Amino acid sequence: MREDFILLAMCATGITHRGSAGIKKKLYEVLQRFPHANSGDVKTGSEFNAELEAIRKGFVDTSVLHYVFTDKETVVQVLEEIRKADLGISIVLSGLFDEVEECCKRTDLKPHTVEHSAGVMGRTERLPDERILGITTMCGHGLVAANLVLEMVKRIRRGKLSIEEAAAKLAGPCICGVFNPKRAERLLSELVSVGMPRFRVRGTLQGRDYY
Protein backbone atom coordinates (compact mmCIF):
# COMPACT_ATOMS: atom_id res chain seq x y z
CA MET A 1 0.00 0.00 0.00
CA ARG A 2 2.99 2.34 -0.04
CA GLU A 3 1.94 3.54 -3.48
CA ASP A 4 -1.59 4.37 -2.34
CA PHE A 5 -2.46 7.66 -0.60
CA ILE A 6 -6.06 8.87 -0.53
CA LEU A 7 -6.87 12.48 0.29
CA LEU A 8 -10.42 13.58 1.13
CA ALA A 9 -11.70 17.11 1.68
CA MET A 10 -15.04 17.42 3.41
CA CYS A 11 -17.15 19.48 5.77
CA ALA A 12 -19.48 18.56 8.61
CA THR A 13 -23.05 18.48 7.29
CA GLY A 14 -25.20 21.01 9.11
CA ILE A 15 -22.20 22.61 10.83
CA THR A 16 -19.53 23.78 8.36
CA HIS A 17 -20.79 22.63 4.96
CA ARG A 18 -22.82 25.70 3.98
CA GLY A 19 -20.97 27.81 1.43
CA SER A 20 -18.14 25.27 1.05
CA ALA A 21 -18.73 24.39 -2.62
CA GLY A 22 -16.42 27.17 -3.82
CA ILE A 23 -13.64 26.08 -1.48
CA LYS A 24 -13.78 22.49 -2.73
CA LYS A 25 -13.80 23.66 -6.34
CA LYS A 26 -10.74 25.83 -5.73
CA LEU A 27 -8.92 22.98 -3.98
CA TYR A 28 -9.80 20.61 -6.81
CA GLU A 29 -8.30 22.98 -9.36
CA VAL A 30 -5.15 23.47 -7.27
CA LEU A 31 -4.55 19.74 -6.82
CA GLN A 32 -5.05 19.05 -10.53
CA ARG A 33 -1.56 20.47 -11.03
CA PHE A 34 -0.02 17.57 -9.11
CA PRO A 35 0.50 14.08 -10.59
CA HIS A 36 -2.23 11.78 -9.34
CA ALA A 37 -3.87 8.44 -10.17
CA ASN A 38 -7.51 9.45 -9.75
CA SER A 39 -9.73 12.22 -8.47
CA GLY A 40 -13.37 13.14 -8.21
CA ASP A 41 -16.42 14.01 -6.17
CA VAL A 42 -18.91 11.42 -4.97
CA LYS A 43 -21.72 13.70 -6.20
CA THR A 44 -20.45 13.76 -9.80
CA GLY A 45 -17.99 10.91 -10.34
CA SER A 46 -14.31 10.28 -10.93
CA GLU A 47 -11.87 10.78 -13.79
CA PHE A 48 -12.82 7.29 -15.01
CA ASN A 49 -16.57 7.80 -15.26
CA ALA A 50 -17.11 11.57 -15.64
CA GLU A 51 -15.66 14.48 -17.56
CA LEU A 52 -13.18 16.68 -15.69
CA GLU A 53 -15.16 19.81 -16.50
CA ALA A 54 -18.34 18.19 -15.17
CA ILE A 55 -16.55 17.37 -11.92
CA ARG A 56 -15.16 20.89 -11.63
CA LYS A 57 -18.55 22.50 -12.20
CA GLY A 58 -20.47 19.99 -10.11
CA PHE A 59 -19.21 20.84 -6.65
CA VAL A 60 -21.94 21.58 -4.10
CA ASP A 61 -21.82 22.24 -0.38
CA THR A 62 -22.23 18.54 0.44
CA SER A 63 -19.56 17.35 -2.01
CA VAL A 64 -16.64 15.23 -0.81
CA LEU A 65 -13.47 15.80 -2.81
CA HIS A 66 -11.20 12.79 -3.40
CA TYR A 67 -7.67 12.52 -4.77
CA VAL A 68 -5.45 9.45 -5.10
CA PHE A 69 -1.67 9.84 -5.12
CA THR A 70 0.96 7.18 -5.66
CA ASP A 71 4.11 8.57 -4.06
CA LYS A 72 5.03 10.18 -0.76
CA GLU A 73 6.95 13.12 -2.19
CA THR A 74 3.89 14.31 -4.12
CA VAL A 75 1.77 13.99 -0.99
CA VAL A 76 4.26 16.18 0.92
CA GLN A 77 4.02 18.84 -1.80
CA VAL A 78 0.22 18.63 -1.78
CA LEU A 79 0.00 19.01 2.01
CA GLU A 80 2.36 21.98 1.88
CA GLU A 81 0.16 23.61 -0.75
CA ILE A 82 -2.98 22.99 1.31
CA ARG A 83 -1.30 24.29 4.46
CA LYS A 84 -0.30 27.52 2.72
CA ALA A 85 -3.76 27.98 1.19
CA ASP A 86 -5.39 27.69 4.63
CA LEU A 87 -8.86 27.17 3.17
CA GLY A 88 -10.45 26.19 6.48
CA ILE A 89 -11.60 22.76 5.32
CA SER A 90 -11.05 19.37 6.96
CA ILE A 91 -8.54 17.12 5.20
CA VAL A 92 -8.34 13.35 5.65
CA LEU A 93 -5.24 11.49 4.45
CA SER A 94 -5.35 7.71 4.24
CA GLY A 95 -2.25 5.53 3.96
CA LEU A 96 0.22 3.55 6.05
CA PHE A 97 0.65 5.13 9.49
CA ASP A 98 4.39 5.68 9.27
CA GLU A 99 4.13 7.19 5.78
CA VAL A 100 1.30 9.57 6.67
CA GLU A 101 3.00 10.58 9.92
CA GLU A 102 6.20 11.42 8.05
CA CYS A 103 4.27 13.51 5.50
CA CYS A 104 2.62 15.48 8.30
CA LYS A 105 5.89 16.09 10.15
CA ARG A 106 7.61 17.33 7.01
CA THR A 107 4.86 19.90 6.48
CA ASP A 108 4.49 20.97 10.13
CA LEU A 109 1.02 19.49 10.39
CA LYS A 110 -0.35 17.69 13.43
CA PRO A 111 -3.04 15.03 12.86
CA HIS A 112 -6.27 15.73 14.73
CA THR A 113 -7.52 12.13 14.71
CA VAL A 114 -6.02 8.76 13.77
CA GLU A 115 -8.21 5.81 12.81
CA HIS A 116 -7.33 2.29 11.76
CA SER A 117 -9.09 -0.86 10.63
CA ALA A 118 -9.68 -3.63 13.15
CA GLY A 119 -9.42 -6.23 10.39
CA VAL A 120 -11.98 -8.53 8.79
CA MET A 121 -13.96 -10.89 11.01
CA GLY A 122 -16.62 -13.51 10.47
CA ARG A 123 -16.77 -16.25 7.83
CA THR A 124 -13.68 -15.08 6.00
CA GLU A 125 -13.47 -18.39 4.12
CA ARG A 126 -16.31 -17.11 1.94
CA LEU A 127 -14.29 -14.12 0.81
CA PRO A 128 -12.48 -14.03 -2.55
CA ASP A 129 -8.76 -14.65 -2.88
CA GLU A 130 -6.66 -12.01 -1.09
CA ARG A 131 -5.18 -10.91 -4.41
CA ILE A 132 -8.68 -10.14 -5.64
CA LEU A 133 -9.60 -8.39 -2.39
CA GLY A 134 -6.56 -6.18 -2.86
CA ILE A 135 -8.37 -4.72 -5.86
CA THR A 136 -12.03 -4.79 -4.81
CA THR A 137 -11.42 -3.20 -1.40
CA MET A 138 -9.91 -0.10 -3.00
CA CYS A 139 -13.51 1.01 -3.58
CA GLY A 140 -14.86 1.97 -0.18
CA HIS A 141 -18.47 1.55 -1.32
CA GLY A 142 -17.86 -2.01 -2.57
CA LEU A 143 -18.81 -1.24 -6.17
CA VAL A 144 -15.94 -3.16 -7.80
CA ALA A 145 -17.07 -6.79 -8.02
CA ALA A 146 -14.74 -9.76 -7.54
CA ASN A 147 -16.09 -11.47 -10.64
CA LEU A 148 -15.35 -8.32 -12.65
CA VAL A 149 -11.72 -8.61 -11.57
CA LEU A 150 -11.66 -12.23 -12.78
CA GLU A 151 -13.21 -11.19 -16.07
CA MET A 152 -10.51 -8.57 -16.57
CA VAL A 153 -7.82 -11.18 -15.86
CA LYS A 154 -9.36 -13.46 -18.48
CA ARG A 155 -9.46 -10.69 -21.08
CA ILE A 156 -5.85 -9.72 -20.40
CA ARG A 157 -4.73 -13.33 -20.85
CA ARG A 158 -6.64 -13.61 -24.10
CA GLY A 159 -5.07 -10.44 -25.42
CA LYS A 160 -8.37 -8.53 -25.56
CA LEU A 161 -7.29 -5.90 -23.03
CA SER A 162 -4.02 -4.43 -21.85
CA ILE A 163 -3.38 -4.30 -18.12
CA GLU A 164 -3.78 -0.51 -18.23
CA GLU A 165 -7.15 -0.79 -20.02
CA ALA A 166 -8.38 -3.41 -17.55
CA ALA A 167 -7.38 -1.25 -14.57
CA ALA A 168 -9.27 1.69 -16.07
CA LYS A 169 -12.40 -0.44 -16.51
CA LEU A 170 -12.18 -1.53 -12.88
CA ALA A 171 -11.89 2.11 -11.79
CA GLY A 172 -15.13 3.01 -13.57
CA PRO A 173 -17.66 1.62 -11.04
CA CYS A 174 -15.99 3.52 -8.16
CA ILE A 175 -17.98 6.75 -8.43
CA CYS A 176 -16.20 8.74 -5.74
CA GLY A 177 -12.74 8.34 -7.22
CA VAL A 178 -10.74 6.61 -4.47
CA PHE A 179 -9.88 3.60 -6.64
CA ASN A 180 -6.17 3.55 -7.51
CA PRO A 181 -5.76 2.25 -11.09
CA LYS A 182 -1.96 2.30 -10.83
CA ARG A 183 -2.06 -0.06 -7.88
CA ALA A 184 -4.66 -2.13 -9.73
CA GLU A 185 -2.24 -2.52 -12.65
CA ARG A 186 0.34 -4.08 -10.34
CA LEU A 187 -2.18 -6.40 -8.71
CA LEU A 188 -3.61 -7.43 -12.08
CA SER A 189 -0.10 -8.27 -13.28
CA GLU A 190 0.29 -10.58 -10.30
CA LEU A 191 -3.05 -12.27 -10.98
CA VAL A 192 -2.25 -12.73 -14.66
CA SER A 193 1.08 -14.37 -13.84
CA VAL A 194 -0.37 -16.95 -11.42
CA GLY A 195 -3.09 -19.57 -11.70
CA MET A 196 -6.60 -18.18 -11.92
CA PRO A 197 -8.08 -17.91 -8.41
CA ARG A 198 -11.36 -19.76 -8.01
CA PHE A 199 -14.26 -17.66 -6.82
CA ARG A 200 -18.00 -18.26 -7.16
CA VAL A 201 -20.84 -16.41 -5.51
CA ARG A 202 -23.83 -18.52 -4.56
CA GLY A 203 -27.20 -17.05 -3.75
CA THR A 204 -30.91 -17.29 -4.43
CA LEU A 205 -32.75 -15.53 -7.20
CA GLN A 206 -36.51 -16.07 -7.62
CA GLY A 207 -36.35 -19.29 -5.61
CA ARG A 208 -33.45 -20.76 -7.60
CA ASP A 209 -29.82 -21.27 -6.67
CA TYR A 210 -27.32 -19.59 -8.94
CA TYR A 211 -23.53 -19.30 -9.20
C-alpha atoms as a PDB file:
ATOM      1  CA  MET A   1       0.000   0.000   0.000  1.00  0.00           C
ATOM      2  CA  ARG A   2       2.986   2.344  -0.040  1.00  0.00           C
ATOM      3  CA  GLU A   3       1.937   3.540  -3.482  1.00  0.00           C
ATOM      4  CA  ASP A   4      -1.588   4.366  -2.340  1.00  0.00           C
ATOM      5  CA  PHE A   5      -2.456   7.660  -0.601  1.00  0.00           C
ATOM      6  CA  ILE A   6      -6.061   8.872  -0.532  1.00  0.00           C
ATOM      7  CA  LEU A   7      -6.869  12.484   0.286  1.00  0.00           C
ATOM      8  CA  LEU A   8     -10.420  13.575   1.129  1.00  0.00           C
ATOM      9  CA  ALA A   9     -11.696  17.108   1.677  1.00  0.00           C
ATOM     10  CA  MET A  10     -15.044  17.421   3.411  1.00  0.00           C
ATOM     11  CA  CYS A  11     -17.155  19.483   5.773  1.00  0.00           C
ATOM     12  CA  ALA A  12     -19.481  18.562   8.614  1.00  0.00           C
ATOM     13  CA  THR A  13     -23.053  18.484   7.294  1.00  0.00           C
ATOM     14  CA  GLY A  14     -25.203  21.013   9.109  1.00  0.00           C
ATOM     15  CA  ILE A  15     -22.205  22.614  10.826  1.00  0.00           C
ATOM     16  CA  THR A  16     -19.531  23.779   8.363  1.00  0.00           C
ATOM     17  CA  HIS A  17     -20.786  22.629   4.960  1.00  0.00           C
ATOM     18  CA  ARG A  18     -22.817  25.704   3.983  1.00  0.00           C
ATOM     19  CA  GLY A  19     -20.968  27.806   1.426  1.00  0.00           C
ATOM     20  CA  SER A  20     -18.144  25.273   1.046  1.00  0.00           C
ATOM     21  CA  ALA A  21     -18.731  24.394  -2.621  1.00  0.00           C
ATOM     22  CA  GLY A  22     -16.422  27.166  -3.822  1.00  0.00           C
ATOM     23  CA  ILE A  23     -13.641  26.076  -1.478  1.00  0.00           C
ATOM     24  CA  LYS A  24     -13.775  22.492  -2.735  1.00  0.00           C
ATOM     25  CA  LYS A  25     -13.801  23.658  -6.340  1.00  0.00           C
ATOM     26  CA  LYS A  26     -10.743  25.828  -5.731  1.00  0.00           C
ATOM     27  CA  LEU A  27      -8.921  22.984  -3.979  1.00  0.00           C
ATOM     28  CA  TYR A  28      -9.804  20.605  -6.806  1.00  0.00           C
ATOM     29  CA  GLU A  29      -8.303  22.985  -9.361  1.00  0.00           C
ATOM     30  CA  VAL A  30      -5.153  23.475  -7.268  1.00  0.00           C
ATOM     31  CA  LEU A  31      -4.550  19.741  -6.816  1.00  0.00           C
ATOM     32  CA  GLN A  32      -5.052  19.045 -10.525  1.00  0.00           C
ATOM     33  CA  ARG A  33      -1.562  20.467 -11.029  1.00  0.00           C
ATOM     34  CA  PHE A  34      -0.025  17.570  -9.109  1.00  0.00           C
ATOM     35  CA  PRO A  35       0.503  14.081 -10.592  1.00  0.00           C
ATOM     36  CA  HIS A  36      -2.235  11.777  -9.339  1.00  0.00           C
ATOM     37  CA  ALA A  37      -3.869   8.442 -10.168  1.00  0.00           C
ATOM     38  CA  ASN A  38      -7.506   9.449  -9.746  1.00  0.00           C
ATOM     39  CA  SER A  39      -9.730  12.223  -8.466  1.00  0.00           C
ATOM     40  CA  GLY A  40     -13.373  13.137  -8.214  1.00  0.00           C
ATOM     41  CA  ASP A  41     -16.418  14.011  -6.170  1.00  0.00           C
ATOM     42  CA  VAL A  42     -18.913  11.418  -4.970  1.00  0.00           C
ATOM     43  CA  LYS A  43     -21.718  13.701  -6.198  1.00  0.00           C
ATOM     44  CA  THR A  44     -20.452  13.760  -9.796  1.00  0.00           C
ATOM     45  CA  GLY A  45     -17.994  10.912 -10.341  1.00  0.00           C
ATOM     46  CA  SER A  46     -14.307  10.284 -10.929  1.00  0.00           C
ATOM     47  CA  GLU A  47     -11.872  10.779 -13.788  1.00  0.00           C
ATOM     48  CA  PHE A  48     -12.818   7.294 -15.012  1.00  0.00           C
ATOM     49  CA  ASN A  49     -16.574   7.804 -15.257  1.00  0.00           C
ATOM     50  CA  ALA A  50     -17.113  11.571 -15.635  1.00  0.00           C
ATOM     51  CA  GLU A  51     -15.657  14.482 -17.557  1.00  0.00           C
ATOM     52  CA  LEU A  52     -13.177  16.683 -15.688  1.00  0.00           C
ATOM     53  CA  GLU A  53     -15.162  19.808 -16.503  1.00  0.00           C
ATOM     54  CA  ALA A  54     -18.344  18.188 -15.173  1.00  0.00           C
ATOM     55  CA  ILE A  55     -16.554  17.371 -11.924  1.00  0.00           C
ATOM     56  CA  ARG A  56     -15.165  20.890 -11.627  1.00  0.00           C
ATOM     57  CA  LYS A  57     -18.550  22.500 -12.202  1.00  0.00           C
ATOM     58  CA  GLY A  58     -20.472  19.986 -10.114  1.00  0.00           C
ATOM     59  CA  PHE A  59     -19.214  20.837  -6.645  1.00  0.00           C
ATOM     60  CA  VAL A  60     -21.937  21.585  -4.105  1.00  0.00           C
ATOM     61  CA  ASP A  61     -21.819  22.238  -0.376  1.00  0.00           C
ATOM     62  CA  THR A  62     -22.229  18.539   0.442  1.00  0.00           C
ATOM     63  CA  SER A  63     -19.563  17.352  -2.007  1.00  0.00           C
ATOM     64  CA  VAL A  64     -16.641  15.229  -0.815  1.00  0.00           C
ATOM     65  CA  LEU A  65     -13.473  15.802  -2.811  1.00  0.00           C
ATOM     66  CA  HIS A  66     -11.197  12.793  -3.400  1.00  0.00           C
ATOM     67  CA  TYR A  67      -7.667  12.516  -4.766  1.00  0.00           C
ATOM     68  CA  VAL A  68      -5.447   9.445  -5.101  1.00  0.00           C
ATOM     69  CA  PHE A  69      -1.668   9.840  -5.117  1.00  0.00           C
ATOM     70  CA  THR A  70       0.957   7.177  -5.660  1.00  0.00           C
ATOM     71  CA  ASP A  71       4.112   8.570  -4.061  1.00  0.00           C
ATOM     72  CA  LYS A  72       5.028  10.175  -0.759  1.00  0.00           C
ATOM     73  CA  GLU A  73       6.945  13.124  -2.191  1.00  0.00           C
ATOM     74  CA  THR A  74       3.889  14.312  -4.123  1.00  0.00           C
ATOM     75  CA  VAL A  75       1.770  13.992  -0.986  1.00  0.00           C
ATOM     76  CA  VAL A  76       4.258  16.179   0.917  1.00  0.00           C
ATOM     77  CA  GLN A  77       4.022  18.841  -1.799  1.00  0.00           C
ATOM     78  CA  VAL A  78       0.217  18.632  -1.779  1.00  0.00           C
ATOM     79  CA  LEU A  79       0.001  19.009   2.005  1.00  0.00           C
ATOM     80  CA  GLU A  80       2.363  21.982   1.875  1.00  0.00           C
ATOM     81  CA  GLU A  81       0.163  23.609  -0.752  1.00  0.00           C
ATOM     82  CA  ILE A  82      -2.976  22.988   1.313  1.00  0.00           C
ATOM     83  CA  ARG A  83      -1.303  24.290   4.463  1.00  0.00           C
ATOM     84  CA  LYS A  84      -0.300  27.523   2.721  1.00  0.00           C
ATOM     85  CA  ALA A  85      -3.760  27.978   1.190  1.00  0.00           C
ATOM     86  CA  ASP A  86      -5.386  27.685   4.627  1.00  0.00           C
ATOM     87  CA  LEU A  87      -8.857  27.166   3.170  1.00  0.00           C
ATOM     88  CA  GLY A  88     -10.445  26.186   6.478  1.00  0.00           C
ATOM     89  CA  ILE A  89     -11.605  22.759   5.323  1.00  0.00           C
ATOM     90  CA  SER A  90     -11.050  19.374   6.964  1.00  0.00           C
ATOM     91  CA  ILE A  91      -8.543  17.118   5.200  1.00  0.00           C
ATOM     92  CA  VAL A  92      -8.341  13.349   5.653  1.00  0.00           C
ATOM     93  CA  LEU A  93      -5.243  11.493   4.454  1.00  0.00           C
ATOM     94  CA  SER A  94      -5.347   7.706   4.238  1.00  0.00           C
ATOM     95  CA  GLY A  95      -2.248   5.529   3.961  1.00  0.00           C
ATOM     96  CA  LEU A  96       0.222   3.551   6.051  1.00  0.00           C
ATOM     97  CA  PHE A  97       0.646   5.131   9.487  1.00  0.00           C
ATOM     98  CA  ASP A  98       4.389   5.685   9.271  1.00  0.00           C
ATOM     99  CA  GLU A  99       4.135   7.187   5.782  1.00  0.00           C
ATOM    100  CA  VAL A 100       1.296   9.573   6.669  1.00  0.00           C
ATOM    101  CA  GLU A 101       3.004  10.575   9.925  1.00  0.00           C
ATOM    102  CA  GLU A 102       6.197  11.417   8.048  1.00  0.00           C
ATOM    103  CA  CYS A 103       4.275  13.511   5.501  1.00  0.00           C
ATOM    104  CA  CYS A 104       2.622  15.479   8.299  1.00  0.00           C
ATOM    105  CA  LYS A 105       5.891  16.086  10.155  1.00  0.00           C
ATOM    106  CA  ARG A 106       7.606  17.334   7.015  1.00  0.00           C
ATOM    107  CA  THR A 107       4.855  19.897   6.476  1.00  0.00           C
ATOM    108  CA  ASP A 108       4.487  20.974  10.127  1.00  0.00           C
ATOM    109  CA  LEU A 109       1.017  19.488  10.392  1.00  0.00           C
ATOM    110  CA  LYS A 110      -0.350  17.694  13.432  1.00  0.00           C
ATOM    111  CA  PRO A 111      -3.043  15.032  12.861  1.00  0.00           C
ATOM    112  CA  HIS A 112      -6.268  15.731  14.726  1.00  0.00           C
ATOM    113  CA  THR A 113      -7.517  12.133  14.712  1.00  0.00           C
ATOM    114  CA  VAL A 114      -6.019   8.761  13.774  1.00  0.00           C
ATOM    115  CA  GLU A 115      -8.207   5.808  12.813  1.00  0.00           C
ATOM    116  CA  HIS A 116      -7.326   2.286  11.756  1.00  0.00           C
ATOM    117  CA  SER A 117      -9.095  -0.859  10.631  1.00  0.00           C
ATOM    118  CA  ALA A 118      -9.683  -3.630  13.147  1.00  0.00           C
ATOM    119  CA  GLY A 119      -9.420  -6.232  10.391  1.00  0.00           C
ATOM    120  CA  VAL A 120     -11.978  -8.531   8.793  1.00  0.00           C
ATOM    121  CA  MET A 121     -13.957 -10.892  11.013  1.00  0.00           C
ATOM    122  CA  GLY A 122     -16.616 -13.510  10.468  1.00  0.00           C
ATOM    123  CA  ARG A 123     -16.770 -16.249   7.825  1.00  0.00           C
ATOM    124  CA  THR A 124     -13.676 -15.079   5.999  1.00  0.00           C
ATOM    125  CA  GLU A 125     -13.469 -18.385   4.122  1.00  0.00           C
ATOM    126  CA  ARG A 126     -16.307 -17.113   1.945  1.00  0.00           C
ATOM    127  CA  LEU A 127     -14.291 -14.119   0.807  1.00  0.00           C
ATOM    128  CA  PRO A 128     -12.483 -14.030  -2.547  1.00  0.00           C
ATOM    129  CA  ASP A 129      -8.756 -14.649  -2.880  1.00  0.00           C
ATOM    130  CA  GLU A 130      -6.657 -12.012  -1.089  1.00  0.00           C
ATOM    131  CA  ARG A 131      -5.181 -10.907  -4.411  1.00  0.00           C
ATOM    132  CA  ILE A 132      -8.683 -10.136  -5.641  1.00  0.00           C
ATOM    133  CA  LEU A 133      -9.604  -8.387  -2.392  1.00  0.00           C
ATOM    134  CA  GLY A 134      -6.560  -6.175  -2.862  1.00  0.00           C
ATOM    135  CA  ILE A 135      -8.373  -4.720  -5.860  1.00  0.00           C
ATOM    136  CA  THR A 136     -12.030  -4.790  -4.811  1.00  0.00           C
ATOM    137  CA  THR A 137     -11.423  -3.197  -1.401  1.00  0.00           C
ATOM    138  CA  MET A 138      -9.909  -0.096  -2.996  1.00  0.00           C
ATOM    139  CA  CYS A 139     -13.508   1.008  -3.577  1.00  0.00           C
ATOM    140  CA  GLY A 140     -14.859   1.969  -0.179  1.00  0.00           C
ATOM    141  CA  HIS A 141     -18.465   1.548  -1.322  1.00  0.00           C
ATOM    142  CA  GLY A 142     -17.858  -2.012  -2.566  1.00  0.00           C
ATOM    143  CA  LEU A 143     -18.811  -1.243  -6.172  1.00  0.00           C
ATOM    144  CA  VAL A 144     -15.944  -3.164  -7.798  1.00  0.00           C
ATOM    145  CA  ALA A 145     -17.068  -6.792  -8.022  1.00  0.00           C
ATOM    146  CA  ALA A 146     -14.739  -9.756  -7.536  1.00  0.00           C
ATOM    147  CA  ASN A 147     -16.086 -11.466 -10.640  1.00  0.00           C
ATOM    148  CA  LEU A 148     -15.355  -8.319 -12.655  1.00  0.00           C
ATOM    149  CA  VAL A 149     -11.717  -8.615 -11.573  1.00  0.00           C
ATOM    150  CA  LEU A 150     -11.655 -12.232 -12.777  1.00  0.00           C
ATOM    151  CA  GLU A 151     -13.211 -11.192 -16.075  1.00  0.00           C
ATOM    152  CA  MET A 152     -10.505  -8.573 -16.566  1.00  0.00           C
ATOM    153  CA  VAL A 153      -7.818 -11.176 -15.862  1.00  0.00           C
ATOM    154  CA  LYS A 154      -9.358 -13.464 -18.484  1.00  0.00           C
ATOM    155  CA  ARG A 155      -9.465 -10.687 -21.079  1.00  0.00           C
ATOM    156  CA  ILE A 156      -5.848  -9.725 -20.405  1.00  0.00           C
ATOM    157  CA  ARG A 157      -4.730 -13.329 -20.846  1.00  0.00           C
ATOM    158  CA  ARG A 158      -6.643 -13.610 -24.104  1.00  0.00           C
ATOM    159  CA  GLY A 159      -5.068 -10.442 -25.415  1.00  0.00           C
ATOM    160  CA  LYS A 160      -8.370  -8.531 -25.556  1.00  0.00           C
ATOM    161  CA  LEU A 161      -7.289  -5.902 -23.028  1.00  0.00           C
ATOM    162  CA  SER A 162      -4.016  -4.430 -21.846  1.00  0.00           C
ATOM    163  CA  ILE A 163      -3.380  -4.299 -18.121  1.00  0.00           C
ATOM    164  CA  GLU A 164      -3.784  -0.508 -18.229  1.00  0.00           C
ATOM    165  CA  GLU A 165      -7.147  -0.790 -20.025  1.00  0.00           C
ATOM    166  CA  ALA A 166      -8.377  -3.411 -17.553  1.00  0.00           C
ATOM    167  CA  ALA A 167      -7.381  -1.253 -14.574  1.00  0.00           C
ATOM    168  CA  ALA A 168      -9.270   1.695 -16.071  1.00  0.00           C
ATOM    169  CA  LYS A 169     -12.400  -0.440 -16.507  1.00  0.00           C
ATOM    170  CA  LEU A 170     -12.180  -1.529 -12.877  1.00  0.00           C
ATOM    171  CA  ALA A 171     -11.894   2.107 -11.792  1.00  0.00           C
ATOM    172  CA  GLY A 172     -15.132   3.006 -13.571  1.00  0.00           C
ATOM    173  CA  PRO A 173     -17.658   1.624 -11.037  1.00  0.00           C
ATOM    174  CA  CYS A 174     -15.991   3.518  -8.163  1.00  0.00           C
ATOM    175  CA  ILE A 175     -17.976   6.748  -8.433  1.00  0.00           C
ATOM    176  CA  CYS A 176     -16.202   8.745  -5.736  1.00  0.00           C
ATOM    177  CA  GLY A 177     -12.735   8.336  -7.223  1.00  0.00           C
ATOM    178  CA  VAL A 178     -10.735   6.612  -4.472  1.00  0.00           C
ATOM    179  CA  PHE A 179      -9.884   3.601  -6.635  1.00  0.00           C
ATOM    180  CA  ASN A 180      -6.174   3.545  -7.511  1.00  0.00           C
ATOM    181  CA  PRO A 181      -5.761   2.253 -11.094  1.00  0.00           C
ATOM    182  CA  LYS A 182      -1.962   2.300 -10.831  1.00  0.00           C
ATOM    183  CA  ARG A 183      -2.059  -0.057  -7.879  1.00  0.00           C
ATOM    184  CA  ALA A 184      -4.665  -2.128  -9.728  1.00  0.00           C
ATOM    185  CA  GLU A 185      -2.244  -2.523 -12.647  1.00  0.00           C
ATOM    186  CA  ARG A 186       0.344  -4.082 -10.339  1.00  0.00           C
ATOM    187  CA  LEU A 187      -2.181  -6.404  -8.710  1.00  0.00           C
ATOM    188  CA  LEU A 188      -3.611  -7.432 -12.085  1.00  0.00           C
ATOM    189  CA  SER A 189      -0.103  -8.269 -13.277  1.00  0.00           C
ATOM    190  CA  GLU A 190       0.290 -10.580 -10.295  1.00  0.00           C
ATOM    191  CA  LEU A 191      -3.055 -12.268 -10.980  1.00  0.00           C
ATOM    192  CA  VAL A 192      -2.248 -12.726 -14.663  1.00  0.00           C
ATOM    193  CA  SER A 193       1.081 -14.367 -13.845  1.00  0.00           C
ATOM    194  CA  VAL A 194      -0.365 -16.951 -11.423  1.00  0.00           C
ATOM    195  CA  GLY A 195      -3.085 -19.571 -11.695  1.00  0.00           C
ATOM    196  CA  MET A 196      -6.603 -18.176 -11.924  1.00  0.00           C
ATOM    197  CA  PRO A 197      -8.076 -17.914  -8.407  1.00  0.00           C
ATOM    198  CA  ARG A 198     -11.360 -19.765  -8.012  1.00  0.00           C
ATOM    199  CA  PHE A 199     -14.262 -17.663  -6.823  1.00  0.00           C
ATOM    200  CA  ARG A 200     -17.999 -18.256  -7.157  1.00  0.00           C
ATOM    201  CA  VAL A 201     -20.845 -16.409  -5.511  1.00  0.00           C
ATOM    202  CA  ARG A 202     -23.834 -18.516  -4.562  1.00  0.00           C
ATOM    203  CA  GLY A 203     -27.202 -17.050  -3.747  1.00  0.00           C
ATOM    204  CA  THR A 204     -30.910 -17.295  -4.433  1.00  0.00           C
ATOM    205  CA  LEU A 205     -32.754 -15.527  -7.202  1.00  0.00           C
ATOM    206  CA  GLN A 206     -36.512 -16.067  -7.622  1.00  0.00           C
ATOM    207  CA  GLY A 207     -36.351 -19.288  -5.612  1.00  0.00           C
ATOM    208  CA  ARG A 208     -33.448 -20.760  -7.598  1.00  0.00           C
ATOM    209  CA  ASP A 209     -29.821 -21.271  -6.666  1.00  0.00           C
ATOM    210  CA  TYR A 210     -27.320 -19.589  -8.939  1.00  0.00           C
ATOM    211  CA  TYR A 211     -23.529 -19.298  -9.200  1.00  0.00           C
END
